[in-house]
């Protein structure tokens, strides 16, 4: 199954909450929708954006993909070997 952001077929996918659990757990709300993404995309999301911004602005796949910073990363990561770990810079 490919990553829902970069579309690479990677050996392992991780579950990303579109609305961070930090914003739903304390209020005992439904954690909401999750997406399956590769570890590189997951790390990059949390490097670029804080939980508040993820909850309020970037809470759909389309919004994540269309964000200029994330779009630049996605264009780069699509060219990387899906069987190798991708380094993410803070």
PDB file of N, CA and C in Angstrom:
ATOM      1  N   UNK A   1       0.856  -1.188   0.000  1.00  0.00           N
ATOM      2  CA  UNK A   1       0.000   0.000   0.000  1.00  0.00           C
ATOM      3  C   UNK A   1       0.897   1.245   0.000  1.00  0.00           C
ATOM      4  N   UNK A   2       0.641   2.181  -0.874  1.00  0.00           N
ATOM      5  CA  UNK A   2       1.508   3.366  -0.947  1.00  0.00           C
ATOM      6  C   UNK A   2       1.191   4.402   0.134  1.00  0.00           C
ATOM      7  N   UNK A   3       2.176   5.241   0.392  1.00  0.00           N
ATOM      8  CA  UNK A   3       2.007   6.383   1.293  1.00  0.00           C
ATOM      9  C   UNK A   3       0.941   7.298   0.697  1.00  0.00           C
ATOM     10  N   UNK A   4       0.038   7.787   1.533  1.00  0.00           N
ATOM     11  CA  UNK A   4      -1.049   8.636   1.044  1.00  0.00           C
ATOM     12  C   UNK A   4      -0.593  10.063   0.731  1.00  0.00           C
ATOM     13  N   UNK A   5       0.654  10.395   1.050  1.00  0.00           N
ATOM     14  CA  UNK A   5       1.169  11.723   0.704  1.00  0.00           C
ATOM     15  C   UNK A   5       2.128  11.666  -0.479  1.00  0.00           C
ATOM     16  N   UNK A   6       3.173  10.854  -0.386  1.00  0.00           N
ATOM     17  CA  UNK A   6       4.183  10.843  -1.452  1.00  0.00           C
ATOM     18  C   UNK A   6       3.937   9.762  -2.503  1.00  0.00           C
ATOM     19  N   UNK A   7       3.001   8.861  -2.239  1.00  0.00           N
ATOM     20  CA  UNK A   7       2.637   7.784  -3.170  1.00  0.00           C
ATOM     21  C   UNK A   7       3.736   6.750  -3.392  1.00  0.00           C
ATOM     22  N   UNK A   8       4.765   6.747  -2.539  1.00  0.00           N
ATOM     23  CA  UNK A   8       5.812   5.726  -2.673  1.00  0.00           C
ATOM     24  C   UNK A   8       5.341   4.433  -2.018  1.00  0.00           C
ATOM     25  N   UNK A   9       5.708   3.299  -2.614  1.00  0.00           N
ATOM     26  CA  UNK A   9       5.451   1.998  -1.999  1.00  0.00           C
ATOM     27  C   UNK A   9       6.602   1.702  -1.058  1.00  0.00           C
ATOM     28  N   UNK A  10       6.353   1.840   0.228  1.00  0.00           N
ATOM     29  CA  UNK A  10       7.390   1.632   1.238  1.00  0.00           C
ATOM     30  C   UNK A  10       7.046   0.396   2.061  1.00  0.00           C
ATOM     31  N   UNK A  11       8.065  -0.234   2.679  1.00  0.00           N
ATOM     32  CA  UNK A  11       7.803  -1.455   3.439  1.00  0.00           C
ATOM     33  C   UNK A  11       6.941  -1.231   4.693  1.00  0.00           C
ATOM     34  N   UNK A  12       7.024  -0.041   5.283  1.00  0.00           N
ATOM     35  CA  UNK A  12       6.303   0.240   6.531  1.00  0.00           C
ATOM     36  C   UNK A  12       5.556   1.560   6.398  1.00  0.00           C
ATOM     37  N   UNK A  13       4.308   1.566   6.835  1.00  0.00           N
ATOM     38  CA  UNK A  13       3.527   2.802   6.901  1.00  0.00           C
ATOM     39  C   UNK A  13       3.190   3.094   8.356  1.00  0.00           C
ATOM     40  N   UNK A  14       3.051   4.362   8.679  1.00  0.00           N
ATOM     41  CA  UNK A  14       2.673   4.765  10.032  1.00  0.00           C
ATOM     42  C   UNK A  14       1.326   5.471   9.968  1.00  0.00           C
ATOM     43  N   UNK A  15       0.633   5.483  11.091  1.00  0.00           N
ATOM     44  CA  UNK A  15      -0.679   6.109  11.159  1.00  0.00           C
ATOM     45  C   UNK A  15      -0.530   7.547  11.643  1.00  0.00           C
ATOM     46  N   UNK A  16      -1.050   8.481  10.871  1.00  0.00           N
ATOM     47  CA  UNK A  16      -1.006   9.902  11.233  1.00  0.00           C
ATOM     48  C   UNK A  16      -2.425  10.388  11.478  1.00  0.00           C
ATOM     49  N   UNK A  17      -2.648  10.991  12.649  1.00  0.00           N
ATOM     50  CA  UNK A  17      -3.947  11.585  12.961  1.00  0.00           C
ATOM     51  C   UNK A  17      -4.013  12.960  12.305  1.00  0.00           C
ATOM     52  N   UNK A  18      -5.005  13.182  11.465  1.00  0.00           N
ATOM     53  CA  UNK A  18      -5.118  14.475  10.791  1.00  0.00           C
ATOM     54  C   UNK A  18      -5.356  15.600  11.790  1.00  0.00           C
ATOM     55  N   UNK A  19      -6.088  15.326  12.857  1.00  0.00           N
ATOM     56  CA  UNK A  19      -6.195  16.261  13.979  1.00  0.00           C
ATOM     57  C   UNK A  19      -5.406  15.611  15.110  1.00  0.00           C
ATOM     58  N   UNK A  20      -4.298  16.231  15.542  1.00  0.00           N
ATOM     59  CA  UNK A  20      -3.441  15.611  16.550  1.00  0.00           C
ATOM     60  C   UNK A  20      -4.213  15.179  17.796  1.00  0.00           C
ATOM     61  N   UNK A  21      -3.820  14.033  18.333  1.00  0.00           N
ATOM     62  CA  UNK A  21      -4.483  13.502  19.528  1.00  0.00           C
ATOM     63  C   UNK A  21      -4.414  14.470  20.692  1.00  0.00           C
ATOM     64  N   UNK A  22      -3.403  15.295  20.740  1.00  0.00           N
ATOM     65  CA  UNK A  22      -3.276  16.294  21.802  1.00  0.00           C
ATOM     66  C   UNK A  22      -4.533  17.172  21.860  1.00  0.00           C
ATOM     67  N   UNK A  23      -5.154  17.412  20.727  1.00  0.00           N
ATOM     68  CA  UNK A  23      -6.331  18.282  20.665  1.00  0.00           C
ATOM     69  C   UNK A  23      -7.638  17.539  20.904  1.00  0.00           C
ATOM     70  N   UNK A  24      -7.606  16.212  20.883  1.00  0.00           N
ATOM     71  CA  UNK A  24      -8.847  15.460  21.074  1.00  0.00           C
ATOM     72  C   UNK A  24      -8.861  14.657  22.369  1.00  0.00           C
ATOM     73  N   UNK A  25      -7.703  14.221  22.821  1.00  0.00           N
ATOM     74  CA  UNK A  25      -7.638  13.326  23.978  1.00  0.00           C
ATOM     75  C   UNK A  25      -8.111  14.008  25.258  1.00  0.00           C
ATOM     76  N   UNK A  26      -7.598  15.203  25.533  1.00  0.00           N
ATOM     77  CA  UNK A  26      -7.969  15.909  26.769  1.00  0.00           C
ATOM     78  C   UNK A  26      -9.455  16.239  26.818  1.00  0.00           C
ATOM     79  N   UNK A  27     -10.017  16.544  25.663  1.00  0.00           N
ATOM     80  CA  UNK A  27     -11.432  16.915  25.597  1.00  0.00           C
ATOM     81  C   UNK A  27     -12.330  15.692  25.419  1.00  0.00           C
ATOM     82  N   UNK A  28     -11.700  14.511  25.399  1.00  0.00           N
ATOM     83  CA  UNK A  28     -12.406  13.242  25.219  1.00  0.00           C
ATOM     84  C   UNK A  28     -13.268  13.245  23.954  1.00  0.00           C
ATOM     85  N   UNK A  29     -12.688  13.778  22.886  1.00  0.00           N
ATOM     86  CA  UNK A  29     -13.358  13.816  21.590  1.00  0.00           C
ATOM     87  C   UNK A  29     -12.911  12.630  20.741  1.00  0.00           C
ATOM     88  N   UNK A  30     -13.677  12.337  19.724  1.00  0.00           N
ATOM     89  CA  UNK A  30     -13.305  11.308  18.764  1.00  0.00           C
ATOM     90  C   UNK A  30     -11.984  11.718  18.116  1.00  0.00           C
ATOM     91  N   UNK A  31     -10.989  10.823  18.087  1.00  0.00           N
ATOM     92  CA  UNK A  31      -9.688  11.195  17.517  1.00  0.00           C
ATOM     93  C   UNK A  31      -9.739  11.521  16.031  1.00  0.00           C
ATOM     94  N   UNK A  32     -10.806  11.174  15.370  1.00  0.00           N
ATOM     95  CA  UNK A  32     -10.952  11.566  13.971  1.00  0.00           C
ATOM     96  C   UNK A  32     -10.210  10.678  13.001  1.00  0.00           C
ATOM     97  N   UNK A  33     -10.152  11.152  11.777  1.00  0.00           N
ATOM     98  CA  UNK A  33      -9.595  10.389  10.668  1.00  0.00           C
ATOM     99  C   UNK A  33      -8.079  10.266  10.769  1.00  0.00           C
ATOM    100  N   UNK A  34      -7.586   9.117  10.327  1.00  0.00           N
ATOM    101  CA  UNK A  34      -6.145   8.898  10.234  1.00  0.00           C
ATOM    102  C   UNK A  34      -5.804   8.554   8.787  1.00  0.00           C
ATOM    103  N   UNK A  35      -4.536   8.748   8.456  1.00  0.00           N
ATOM    104  CA  UNK A  35      -4.043   8.357   7.138  1.00  0.00           C
ATOM    105  C   UNK A  35      -2.792   7.515   7.327  1.00  0.00           C
ATOM    106  N   UNK A  36      -2.510   6.653   6.368  1.00  0.00           N
ATOM    107  CA  UNK A  36      -1.313   5.818   6.393  1.00  0.00           C
ATOM    108  C   UNK A  36      -0.247   6.480   5.539  1.00  0.00           C
ATOM    109  N   UNK A  37       0.851   6.854   6.200  1.00  0.00           N
ATOM    110  CA  UNK A  37       1.933   7.539   5.492  1.00  0.00           C
ATOM    111  C   UNK A  37       3.276   6.914   5.855  1.00  0.00           C
ATOM    112  N   UNK A  38       4.252   7.157   5.012  1.00  0.00           N
ATOM    113  CA  UNK A  38       5.589   6.610   5.255  1.00  0.00           C
ATOM    114  C   UNK A  38       6.247   7.364   6.414  1.00  0.00           C
ATOM    115  N   UNK A  39       7.216   6.739   7.067  1.00  0.00           N
ATOM    116  CA  UNK A  39       7.894   7.401   8.181  1.00  0.00           C
ATOM    117  C   UNK A  39       8.542   8.735   7.796  1.00  0.00           C
ATOM    118  N   UNK A  40       9.060   8.852   6.574  1.00  0.00           N
ATOM    119  CA  UNK A  40       9.699  10.108   6.152  1.00  0.00           C
ATOM    120  C   UNK A  40       8.686  11.246   6.116  1.00  0.00           C
ATOM    121  N   UNK A  41       7.536  11.011   5.520  1.00  0.00           N
ATOM    122  CA  UNK A  41       6.495  12.049   5.468  1.00  0.00           C
ATOM    123  C   UNK A  41       5.994  12.376   6.870  1.00  0.00           C
ATOM    124  N   UNK A  42       5.850  11.348   7.710  1.00  0.00           N
ATOM    125  CA  UNK A  42       5.360  11.575   9.073  1.00  0.00           C
ATOM    126  C   UNK A  42       6.337  12.454   9.860  1.00  0.00           C
ATOM    127  N   UNK A  43       7.619  12.127   9.763  1.00  0.00           N
ATOM    128  CA  UNK A  43       8.623  12.942  10.465  1.00  0.00           C
ATOM    129  C   UNK A  43       8.622  14.371   9.937  1.00  0.00           C
ATOM    130  N   UNK A  44       8.543  14.525   8.627  1.00  0.00           N
ATOM    131  CA  UNK A  44       8.593  15.860   8.038  1.00  0.00           C
ATOM    132  C   UNK A  44       7.397  16.707   8.466  1.00  0.00           C
ATOM    133  N   UNK A  45       6.228  16.132   8.539  1.00  0.00           N
ATOM    134  CA  UNK A  45       5.041  16.867   9.001  1.00  0.00           C
ATOM    135  C   UNK A  45       5.292  17.457  10.380  1.00  0.00           C
ATOM    136  N   UNK A  46       5.824  16.630  11.289  1.00  0.00           N
ATOM    137  CA  UNK A  46       6.008  17.087  12.668  1.00  0.00           C
ATOM    138  C   UNK A  46       7.233  17.986  12.839  1.00  0.00           C
ATOM    139  N   UNK A  47       8.138  17.976  11.874  1.00  0.00           N
ATOM    140  CA  UNK A  47       9.251  18.927  11.876  1.00  0.00           C
ATOM    141  C   UNK A  47       8.759  20.303  11.418  1.00  0.00           C
ATOM    142  N   UNK A  48       7.929  20.317  10.407  1.00  0.00           N
ATOM    143  CA  UNK A  48       7.487  21.584   9.819  1.00  0.00           C
ATOM    144  C   UNK A  48       6.377  22.289  10.598  1.00  0.00           C
ATOM    145  N   UNK A  49       5.470  21.526  11.189  1.00  0.00           N
ATOM    146  CA  UNK A  49       4.249  22.127  11.730  1.00  0.00           C
ATOM    147  C   UNK A  49       4.008  21.736  13.183  1.00  0.00           C
ATOM    148  N   UNK A  50       3.521  22.701  13.976  1.00  0.00           N
ATOM    149  CA  UNK A  50       3.138  22.366  15.347  1.00  0.00           C
ATOM    150  C   UNK A  50       1.718  21.791  15.341  1.00  0.00           C
ATOM    151  N   UNK A  51       1.333  21.193  16.470  1.00  0.00           N
ATOM    152  CA  UNK A  51       0.038  20.521  16.548  1.00  0.00           C
ATOM    153  C   UNK A  51      -1.139  21.465  16.352  1.00  0.00           C
ATOM    154  N   UNK A  52      -1.015  22.687  16.811  1.00  0.00           N
ATOM    155  CA  UNK A  52      -2.112  23.649  16.640  1.00  0.00           C
ATOM    156  C   UNK A  52      -2.365  23.912  15.150  1.00  0.00           C
ATOM    157  N   UNK A  53      -1.290  24.143  14.414  1.00  0.00           N
ATOM    158  CA  UNK A  53      -1.447  24.408  12.976  1.00  0.00           C
ATOM    159  C   UNK A  53      -2.005  23.188  12.251  1.00  0.00           C
ATOM    160  N   UNK A  54      -1.542  22.005  12.649  1.00  0.00           N
ATOM    161  CA  UNK A  54      -2.069  20.786  12.039  1.00  0.00           C
ATOM    162  C   UNK A  54      -3.566  20.649  12.304  1.00  0.00           C
ATOM    163  N   UNK A  55      -3.986  20.940  13.534  1.00  0.00           N
ATOM    164  CA  UNK A  55      -5.399  20.798  13.902  1.00  0.00           C
ATOM    165  C   UNK A  55      -6.279  21.827  13.209  1.00  0.00           C
ATOM    166  N   UNK A  56      -5.798  23.056  13.107  1.00  0.00           N
ATOM    167  CA  UNK A  56      -6.639  24.146  12.619  1.00  0.00           C
ATOM    168  C   UNK A  56      -6.570  24.367  11.106  1.00  0.00           C
ATOM    169  N   UNK A  57      -5.398  24.154  10.513  1.00  0.00           N
ATOM    170  CA  UNK A  57      -5.222  24.500   9.098  1.00  0.00           C
ATOM    171  C   UNK A  57      -4.940  23.315   8.184  1.00  0.00           C
ATOM    172  N   UNK A  58      -4.165  22.367   8.663  1.00  0.00           N
ATOM    173  CA  UNK A  58      -3.654  21.306   7.792  1.00  0.00           C
ATOM    174  C   UNK A  58      -4.247  19.951   8.170  1.00  0.00           C
ATOM    175  N   UNK A  59      -5.566  19.895   8.290  1.00  0.00           N
ATOM    176  CA  UNK A  59      -6.223  18.699   8.806  1.00  0.00           C
ATOM    177  C   UNK A  59      -6.876  17.828   7.727  1.00  0.00           C
ATOM    178  N   UNK A  60      -6.409  17.969   6.480  1.00  0.00           N
ATOM    179  CA  UNK A  60      -6.835  17.075   5.396  1.00  0.00           C
ATOM    180  C   UNK A  60      -5.610  16.726   4.553  1.00  0.00           C
ATOM    181  N   UNK A  61      -5.718  15.644   3.821  1.00  0.00           N
ATOM    182  CA  UNK A  61      -4.623  15.236   2.934  1.00  0.00           C
ATOM    183  C   UNK A  61      -4.370  16.319   1.889  1.00  0.00           C
ATOM    184  N   UNK A  62      -5.432  16.858   1.312  1.00  0.00           N
ATOM    185  CA  UNK A  62      -5.274  17.888   0.275  1.00  0.00           C
ATOM    186  C   UNK A  62      -4.579  19.134   0.813  1.00  0.00           C
ATOM    187  N   UNK A  63      -4.923  19.544   2.016  1.00  0.00           N
ATOM    188  CA  UNK A  63      -4.281  20.731   2.601  1.00  0.00           C
ATOM    189  C   UNK A  63      -2.810  20.471   2.889  1.00  0.00           C
ATOM    190  N   UNK A  64      -2.487  19.276   3.367  1.00  0.00           N
ATOM    191  CA  UNK A  64      -1.079  18.940   3.602  1.00  0.00           C
ATOM    192  C   UNK A  64      -0.305  18.952   2.284  1.00  0.00           C
ATOM    193  N   UNK A  65      -0.861  18.311   1.260  1.00  0.00           N
ATOM    194  CA  UNK A  65      -0.175  18.229  -0.036  1.00  0.00           C
ATOM    195  C   UNK A  65      -0.006  19.594  -0.690  1.00  0.00           C
ATOM    196  N   UNK A  66      -0.949  20.503  -0.470  1.00  0.00           N
ATOM    197  CA  UNK A  66      -0.882  21.803  -1.142  1.00  0.00           C
ATOM    198  C   UNK A  66      -0.074  22.844  -0.373  1.00  0.00           C
ATOM    199  N   UNK A  67       0.321  22.540   0.856  1.00  0.00           N
ATOM    200  CA  UNK A  67       1.166  23.467   1.599  1.00  0.00           C
ATOM    201  C   UNK A  67       2.517  23.571   0.883  1.00  0.00           C
ATOM    202  N   UNK A  68       3.009  24.776   0.610  1.00  0.00           N
ATOM    203  CA  UNK A  68       4.253  24.927  -0.168  1.00  0.00           C
ATOM    204  C   UNK A  68       5.461  24.200   0.428  1.00  0.00           C
ATOM    205  N   UNK A  69       5.632  24.256   1.739  1.00  0.00           N
ATOM    206  CA  UNK A  69       6.780  23.578   2.360  1.00  0.00           C
ATOM    207  C   UNK A  69       6.674  22.067   2.199  1.00  0.00           C
ATOM    208  N   UNK A  70       5.482  21.542   2.416  1.00  0.00           N
ATOM    209  CA  UNK A  70       5.284  20.098   2.309  1.00  0.00           C
ATOM    210  C   UNK A  70       5.352  19.660   0.851  1.00  0.00           C
ATOM    211  N   UNK A  71       4.811  20.466  -0.057  1.00  0.00           N
ATOM    212  CA  UNK A  71       4.854  20.136  -1.485  1.00  0.00           C
ATOM    213  C   UNK A  71       6.299  20.037  -1.978  1.00  0.00           C
ATOM    214  N   UNK A  72       7.146  20.924  -1.499  1.00  0.00           N
ATOM    215  CA  UNK A  72       8.568  20.886  -1.872  1.00  0.00           C
ATOM    216  C   UNK A  72       9.205  19.585  -1.381  1.00  0.00           C
ATOM    217  N   UNK A  73       8.908  19.209  -0.134  1.00  0.00           N
ATOM    218  CA  UNK A  73       9.435  17.959   0.414  1.00  0.00           C
ATOM    219  C   UNK A  73       8.908  16.763  -0.381  1.00  0.00           C
ATOM    220  N   UNK A  74       7.618  16.751  -0.680  1.00  0.00           N
ATOM    221  CA  UNK A  74       7.024  15.625  -1.404  1.00  0.00           C
ATOM    222  C   UNK A  74       7.643  15.459  -2.787  1.00  0.00           C
ATOM    223  N   UNK A  75       7.904  16.567  -3.470  1.00  0.00           N
ATOM    224  CA  UNK A  75       8.548  16.494  -4.788  1.00  0.00           C
ATOM    225  C   UNK A  75       9.926  15.854  -4.673  1.00  0.00           C
ATOM    226  N   UNK A  76      10.650  16.176  -3.605  1.00  0.00           N
ATOM    227  CA  UNK A  76      11.983  15.611  -3.395  1.00  0.00           C
ATOM    228  C   UNK A  76      11.909  14.146  -2.978  1.00  0.00           C
ATOM    229  N   UNK A  77      11.055  13.832  -2.009  1.00  0.00           N
ATOM    230  CA  UNK A  77      11.037  12.477  -1.448  1.00  0.00           C
ATOM    231  C   UNK A  77      10.537  11.448  -2.460  1.00  0.00           C
ATOM    232  N   UNK A  78       9.726  11.865  -3.401  1.00  0.00           N
ATOM    233  CA  UNK A  78       9.239  10.936  -4.434  1.00  0.00           C
ATOM    234  C   UNK A  78      10.384  10.369  -5.275  1.00  0.00           C
ATOM    235  N   UNK A  79      11.495  11.081  -5.319  1.00  0.00           N
ATOM    236  CA  UNK A  79      12.659  10.642  -6.099  1.00  0.00           C
ATOM    237  C   UNK A  79      13.577   9.717  -5.299  1.00  0.00           C
ATOM    238  N   UNK A  80      13.301   9.556  -4.002  1.00  0.00           N
ATOM    239  CA  UNK A  80      14.174   8.771  -3.137  1.00  0.00           C
ATOM    240  C   UNK A  80      13.792   7.290  -3.176  1.00  0.00           C
ATOM    241  N   UNK A  81      14.779   6.444  -2.916  1.00  0.00           N
ATOM    242  CA  UNK A  81      14.573   5.000  -2.881  1.00  0.00           C
ATOM    243  C   UNK A  81      13.630   4.658  -1.722  1.00  0.00           C
ATOM    244  N   UNK A  82      12.499   4.013  -1.981  1.00  0.00           N
ATOM    245  CA  UNK A  82      11.550   3.708  -0.909  1.00  0.00           C
ATOM    246  C   UNK A  82      12.050   2.655   0.079  1.00  0.00           C
ATOM    247  N   UNK A  83      13.110   1.941  -0.270  1.00  0.00           N
ATOM    248  CA  UNK A  83      13.646   0.917   0.627  1.00  0.00           C
ATOM    249  C   UNK A  83      14.721   1.447   1.570  1.00  0.00           C
ATOM    250  N   UNK A  84      15.064   2.712   1.445  1.00  0.00           N
ATOM    251  CA  UNK A  84      16.097   3.298   2.307  1.00  0.00           C
ATOM    252  C   UNK A  84      15.488   4.366   3.194  1.00  0.00           C
ATOM    253  N   UNK A  85      16.066   4.526   4.382  1.00  0.00           N
ATOM    254  CA  UNK A  85      15.590   5.552   5.306  1.00  0.00           C
ATOM    255  C   UNK A  85      15.953   6.933   4.760  1.00  0.00           C
ATOM    256  N   UNK A  86      15.007   7.838   4.837  1.00  0.00           N
ATOM    257  CA  UNK A  86      15.206   9.203   4.352  1.00  0.00           C
ATOM    258  C   UNK A  86      15.458  10.105   5.550  1.00  0.00           C
ATOM    259  N   UNK A  87      16.545  10.865   5.500  1.00  0.00           N
ATOM    260  CA  UNK A  87      16.856  11.802   6.582  1.00  0.00           C
ATOM    261  C   UNK A  87      15.992  13.043   6.456  1.00  0.00           C
ATOM    262  N   UNK A  88      15.546  13.534   7.597  1.00  0.00           N
ATOM    263  CA  UNK A  88      14.720  14.736   7.647  1.00  0.00           C
ATOM    264  C   UNK A  88      15.448  15.760   8.495  1.00  0.00           C
ATOM    265  N   UNK A  89      15.564  16.981   7.985  1.00  0.00           N
ATOM    266  CA  UNK A  89      16.271  18.037   8.719  1.00  0.00           C
ATOM    267  C   UNK A  89      15.288  18.887   9.495  1.00  0.00           C
ATOM    268  N   UNK A  90      15.676  19.232  10.693  1.00  0.00           N
ATOM    269  CA  UNK A  90      14.854  20.107  11.539  1.00  0.00           C
ATOM    270  C   UNK A  90      15.120  21.539  11.201  1.00  0.00           C
TER     271      UNK A  90
END
